[in-house]
Amino acid sequence: MGYFGYSMTGDVLSVDATDVGRGIALSVPVIGPPWLENVFFGNGTTTGLFIRMLGWHIILAALVGLLFGFHFFMAEANGMMPSNKESKYRHLP
């Protein structure tokens, strides 16, 4: 999520980071060369690249938010700690 957000700024460092990411995507065996690059970096235009970066940034941010929500739901539903009976915890004086 951070990579895609950082790559949207359009300055020299983000362009270099995008080139490194594109190189990594191209080096993945079997699925790498055309398919993976097109999915993450678009058709090669600046607008296409920005839209892809924004899309992946939003998708991953939503996924992280959903995972946090699920985690908090599970903690609330199951409790944070087991009861003393279940854990057989005995406090020593």
N, C-alpha and C. Protein backbone atom coordinates (compact mmCIF):
# COMPACT_ATOMS: atom_id res chain seq x y z
N MET A 1 0.84 -1.17 0.00
CA MET A 1 0.00 0.00 0.00
C MET A 1 0.89 1.24 0.00
N GLY A 2 1.95 1.21 0.80
CA GLY A 2 2.85 2.34 0.86
C GLY A 2 3.57 2.57 -0.46
N TYR A 3 3.97 1.49 -1.12
CA TYR A 3 4.67 1.61 -2.40
C TYR A 3 3.78 2.29 -3.44
N PHE A 4 2.53 1.84 -3.53
CA PHE A 4 1.64 2.40 -4.54
C PHE A 4 1.29 3.85 -4.24
N GLY A 5 1.10 4.20 -2.97
CA GLY A 5 0.84 5.58 -2.60
C GLY A 5 2.03 6.47 -2.87
N TYR A 6 3.22 5.96 -2.56
CA TYR A 6 4.45 6.72 -2.77
C TYR A 6 4.70 6.95 -4.25
N SER A 7 4.33 5.99 -5.07
CA SER A 7 4.60 6.08 -6.50
C SER A 7 3.67 7.04 -7.23
N MET A 8 2.66 7.56 -6.57
CA MET A 8 1.72 8.48 -7.23
C MET A 8 2.16 9.93 -7.18
N THR A 9 3.21 10.27 -6.45
CA THR A 9 3.58 11.68 -6.29
C THR A 9 4.11 12.31 -7.57
N GLY A 10 4.75 11.52 -8.43
CA GLY A 10 5.21 12.03 -9.71
C GLY A 10 6.56 12.70 -9.68
N ASP A 11 7.28 12.67 -8.58
CA ASP A 11 8.61 13.27 -8.56
C ASP A 11 9.66 12.25 -9.02
N VAL A 12 10.92 12.65 -9.01
CA VAL A 12 12.00 11.82 -9.54
C VAL A 12 12.13 10.52 -8.73
N LEU A 13 12.03 10.61 -7.41
CA LEU A 13 12.17 9.41 -6.59
C LEU A 13 11.05 8.41 -6.84
N SER A 14 9.83 8.90 -7.03
CA SER A 14 8.73 7.97 -7.28
C SER A 14 8.84 7.33 -8.66
N VAL A 15 9.36 8.07 -9.64
CA VAL A 15 9.57 7.49 -10.97
C VAL A 15 10.64 6.39 -10.89
N ASP A 16 11.70 6.65 -10.15
CA ASP A 16 12.74 5.63 -9.97
C ASP A 16 12.19 4.42 -9.24
N ALA A 17 11.38 4.63 -8.21
CA ALA A 17 10.78 3.51 -7.47
C ALA A 17 9.85 2.71 -8.38
N THR A 18 9.11 3.39 -9.24
CA THR A 18 8.23 2.70 -10.18
C THR A 18 9.04 1.87 -11.17
N ASP A 19 10.17 2.40 -11.63
CA ASP A 19 11.03 1.63 -12.53
C ASP A 19 11.59 0.39 -11.84
N VAL A 20 11.95 0.52 -10.58
CA VAL A 20 12.44 -0.65 -9.83
C VAL A 20 11.32 -1.68 -9.68
N GLY A 21 10.12 -1.22 -9.34
CA GLY A 21 8.98 -2.13 -9.22
C GLY A 21 8.65 -2.82 -10.53
N ARG A 22 8.75 -2.06 -11.63
CA ARG A 22 8.50 -2.66 -12.95
C ARG A 22 9.55 -3.71 -13.26
N GLY A 23 10.81 -3.45 -12.90
CA GLY A 23 11.88 -4.42 -13.11
C GLY A 23 11.65 -5.69 -12.30
N ILE A 24 11.18 -5.53 -11.06
CA ILE A 24 10.89 -6.69 -10.23
C ILE A 24 9.74 -7.49 -10.83
N ALA A 25 8.70 -6.80 -11.30
CA ALA A 25 7.57 -7.50 -11.92
C ALA A 25 8.00 -8.25 -13.17
N LEU A 26 8.92 -7.68 -13.94
CA LEU A 26 9.38 -8.35 -15.16
C LEU A 26 10.28 -9.54 -14.86
N SER A 27 10.89 -9.57 -13.68
CA SER A 27 11.81 -10.66 -13.37
C SER A 27 11.13 -11.87 -12.75
N VAL A 28 9.82 -11.79 -12.46
CA VAL A 28 9.11 -12.93 -11.89
C VAL A 28 8.99 -14.01 -12.96
N PRO A 29 9.44 -15.24 -12.66
CA PRO A 29 9.36 -16.29 -13.67
C PRO A 29 7.92 -16.67 -14.02
N VAL A 30 7.72 -17.18 -15.17
CA VAL A 30 6.49 -17.72 -15.74
C VAL A 30 5.42 -16.64 -15.97
N ILE A 31 4.89 -15.99 -14.92
CA ILE A 31 3.80 -15.02 -15.10
C ILE A 31 4.31 -13.60 -15.23
N GLY A 32 5.60 -13.38 -15.08
CA GLY A 32 6.15 -12.04 -14.98
C GLY A 32 6.03 -11.14 -16.18
N PRO A 33 6.70 -11.44 -17.26
CA PRO A 33 6.91 -10.42 -18.28
C PRO A 33 5.70 -9.60 -18.72
N PRO A 34 4.81 -10.07 -19.55
CA PRO A 34 3.79 -9.12 -20.02
C PRO A 34 2.61 -8.97 -19.05
N TRP A 35 2.19 -10.06 -18.47
CA TRP A 35 0.96 -10.08 -17.70
C TRP A 35 1.07 -9.28 -16.40
N LEU A 36 2.07 -9.57 -15.59
CA LEU A 36 2.20 -8.93 -14.29
C LEU A 36 2.49 -7.44 -14.42
N GLU A 37 3.30 -7.08 -15.37
CA GLU A 37 3.60 -5.66 -15.59
C GLU A 37 2.34 -4.90 -15.99
N ASN A 38 1.54 -5.48 -16.86
CA ASN A 38 0.32 -4.82 -17.31
C ASN A 38 -0.70 -4.68 -16.18
N VAL A 39 -0.79 -5.68 -15.31
CA VAL A 39 -1.74 -5.62 -14.20
C VAL A 39 -1.38 -4.50 -13.23
N PHE A 40 -0.11 -4.38 -12.90
CA PHE A 40 0.30 -3.41 -11.88
C PHE A 40 0.63 -2.03 -12.44
N PHE A 41 1.11 -1.95 -13.67
CA PHE A 41 1.61 -0.67 -14.18
C PHE A 41 0.85 -0.12 -15.39
N GLY A 42 -0.17 -0.80 -15.86
CA GLY A 42 -1.00 -0.27 -16.94
C GLY A 42 -0.35 -0.38 -18.31
N ASN A 43 -0.80 0.45 -19.23
CA ASN A 43 -0.39 0.35 -20.63
C ASN A 43 0.81 1.20 -20.99
N GLY A 44 1.45 1.83 -20.03
CA GLY A 44 2.65 2.60 -20.30
C GLY A 44 2.47 4.09 -20.35
N THR A 45 1.24 4.58 -20.37
CA THR A 45 1.02 6.02 -20.36
C THR A 45 1.05 6.54 -18.92
N THR A 46 1.28 7.82 -18.77
CA THR A 46 1.33 8.42 -17.43
C THR A 46 -0.02 8.33 -16.74
N THR A 47 -1.08 8.59 -17.49
CA THR A 47 -2.43 8.51 -16.91
C THR A 47 -2.76 7.08 -16.51
N GLY A 48 -2.44 6.12 -17.37
CA GLY A 48 -2.69 4.72 -17.06
C GLY A 48 -1.93 4.26 -15.83
N LEU A 49 -0.67 4.71 -15.72
CA LEU A 49 0.14 4.36 -14.55
C LEU A 49 -0.46 4.95 -13.28
N PHE A 50 -0.86 6.23 -13.33
CA PHE A 50 -1.44 6.87 -12.14
C PHE A 50 -2.73 6.19 -11.72
N ILE A 51 -3.59 5.86 -12.68
CA ILE A 51 -4.86 5.20 -12.36
C ILE A 51 -4.61 3.84 -11.74
N ARG A 52 -3.65 3.08 -12.28
CA ARG A 52 -3.34 1.77 -11.69
C ARG A 52 -2.78 1.92 -10.28
N MET A 53 -1.87 2.86 -10.09
CA MET A 53 -1.30 3.06 -8.76
C MET A 53 -2.38 3.48 -7.76
N LEU A 54 -3.26 4.38 -8.16
CA LEU A 54 -4.34 4.81 -7.29
C LEU A 54 -5.29 3.66 -6.98
N GLY A 55 -5.61 2.88 -7.99
CA GLY A 55 -6.50 1.74 -7.79
C GLY A 55 -5.93 0.72 -6.83
N TRP A 56 -4.68 0.33 -7.03
CA TRP A 56 -4.05 -0.64 -6.13
C TRP A 56 -3.91 -0.07 -4.73
N HIS A 57 -3.62 1.22 -4.62
CA HIS A 57 -3.50 1.85 -3.30
C HIS A 57 -4.84 1.78 -2.56
N ILE A 58 -5.92 2.08 -3.23
CA ILE A 58 -7.25 2.05 -2.60
C ILE A 58 -7.66 0.63 -2.26
N ILE A 59 -7.42 -0.32 -3.16
CA ILE A 59 -7.78 -1.72 -2.92
C ILE A 59 -7.02 -2.26 -1.71
N LEU A 60 -5.73 -2.01 -1.64
CA LEU A 60 -4.95 -2.53 -0.51
C LEU A 60 -5.30 -1.83 0.80
N ALA A 61 -5.60 -0.52 0.74
CA ALA A 61 -6.02 0.18 1.96
C ALA A 61 -7.35 -0.38 2.47
N ALA A 62 -8.27 -0.66 1.56
CA ALA A 62 -9.55 -1.25 1.96
C ALA A 62 -9.35 -2.64 2.53
N LEU A 63 -8.44 -3.42 1.94
CA LEU A 63 -8.17 -4.76 2.45
C LEU A 63 -7.58 -4.71 3.85
N VAL A 64 -6.65 -3.79 4.09
CA VAL A 64 -6.08 -3.63 5.43
C VAL A 64 -7.16 -3.22 6.42
N GLY A 65 -8.03 -2.30 6.02
CA GLY A 65 -9.13 -1.88 6.89
C GLY A 65 -10.07 -3.02 7.21
N LEU A 66 -10.39 -3.85 6.21
CA LEU A 66 -11.25 -5.01 6.45
C LEU A 66 -10.58 -6.01 7.39
N LEU A 67 -9.29 -6.22 7.22
CA LEU A 67 -8.59 -7.16 8.11
C LEU A 67 -8.56 -6.64 9.54
N PHE A 68 -8.34 -5.33 9.72
CA PHE A 68 -8.40 -4.75 11.07
C PHE A 68 -9.80 -4.93 11.66
N GLY A 69 -10.82 -4.62 10.85
CA GLY A 69 -12.19 -4.78 11.33
C GLY A 69 -12.50 -6.21 11.73
N PHE A 70 -12.08 -7.17 10.91
CA PHE A 70 -12.29 -8.58 11.23
C PHE A 70 -11.55 -8.97 12.50
N HIS A 71 -10.33 -8.47 12.65
CA HIS A 71 -9.55 -8.76 13.85
C HIS A 71 -10.25 -8.21 15.10
N PHE A 72 -10.73 -6.97 15.04
CA PHE A 72 -11.41 -6.39 16.18
C PHE A 72 -12.73 -7.11 16.47
N PHE A 73 -13.45 -7.51 15.42
CA PHE A 73 -14.67 -8.28 15.60
C PHE A 73 -14.38 -9.60 16.30
N MET A 74 -13.36 -10.31 15.85
CA MET A 74 -13.02 -11.59 16.47
C MET A 74 -12.58 -11.42 17.92
N ALA A 75 -11.84 -10.36 18.21
CA ALA A 75 -11.41 -10.11 19.58
C ALA A 75 -12.62 -9.79 20.47
N GLU A 76 -13.58 -9.05 19.95
CA GLU A 76 -14.77 -8.71 20.72
C GLU A 76 -15.67 -9.93 20.90
N ALA A 77 -15.81 -10.74 19.87
CA ALA A 77 -16.69 -11.90 19.95
C ALA A 77 -16.12 -13.00 20.84
N ASN A 78 -14.82 -13.18 20.83
CA ASN A 78 -14.21 -14.27 21.58
C ASN A 78 -13.56 -13.83 22.88
N GLY A 79 -13.44 -12.56 23.09
CA GLY A 79 -12.79 -12.05 24.28
C GLY A 79 -11.29 -11.99 24.07
N MET A 80 -10.66 -11.11 24.84
CA MET A 80 -9.22 -10.93 24.68
C MET A 80 -8.43 -12.00 25.42
N MET A 81 -8.94 -12.42 26.57
CA MET A 81 -8.22 -13.38 27.41
C MET A 81 -9.17 -14.51 27.78
N PRO A 82 -8.65 -15.72 27.95
CA PRO A 82 -9.52 -16.81 28.42
C PRO A 82 -9.88 -16.58 29.89
N SER A 83 -10.98 -17.18 30.30
CA SER A 83 -11.37 -17.05 31.71
C SER A 83 -10.37 -17.80 32.59
N ASN A 84 -10.38 -17.49 33.87
CA ASN A 84 -9.47 -18.16 34.80
C ASN A 84 -9.73 -19.66 34.88
N LYS A 85 -11.00 -20.07 34.74
CA LYS A 85 -11.33 -21.51 34.77
C LYS A 85 -10.70 -22.22 33.57
N GLU A 86 -10.82 -21.62 32.40
CA GLU A 86 -10.28 -22.26 31.19
C GLU A 86 -8.77 -22.34 31.23
N SER A 87 -8.11 -21.32 31.71
CA SER A 87 -6.65 -21.30 31.69
C SER A 87 -6.04 -21.94 32.91
N LYS A 88 -6.84 -22.21 33.94
CA LYS A 88 -6.36 -22.80 35.19
C LYS A 88 -5.24 -21.95 35.79
N TYR A 89 -5.40 -20.66 35.63
CA TYR A 89 -4.41 -19.71 36.16
C TYR A 89 -4.65 -19.53 37.65
N ARG A 90 -3.56 -19.59 38.42
CA ARG A 90 -3.65 -19.41 39.86
C ARG A 90 -2.64 -18.36 40.25
N HIS A 91 -3.12 -17.28 40.84
CA HIS A 91 -2.26 -16.19 41.24
C HIS A 91 -1.57 -16.56 42.55
N LEU A 92 -0.26 -16.53 42.54
CA LEU A 92 0.50 -16.82 43.76
C LEU A 92 0.74 -15.53 44.53
N PRO A 93 0.60 -15.58 45.88
CA PRO A 93 0.80 -14.36 46.66
C PRO A 93 2.24 -13.92 46.75
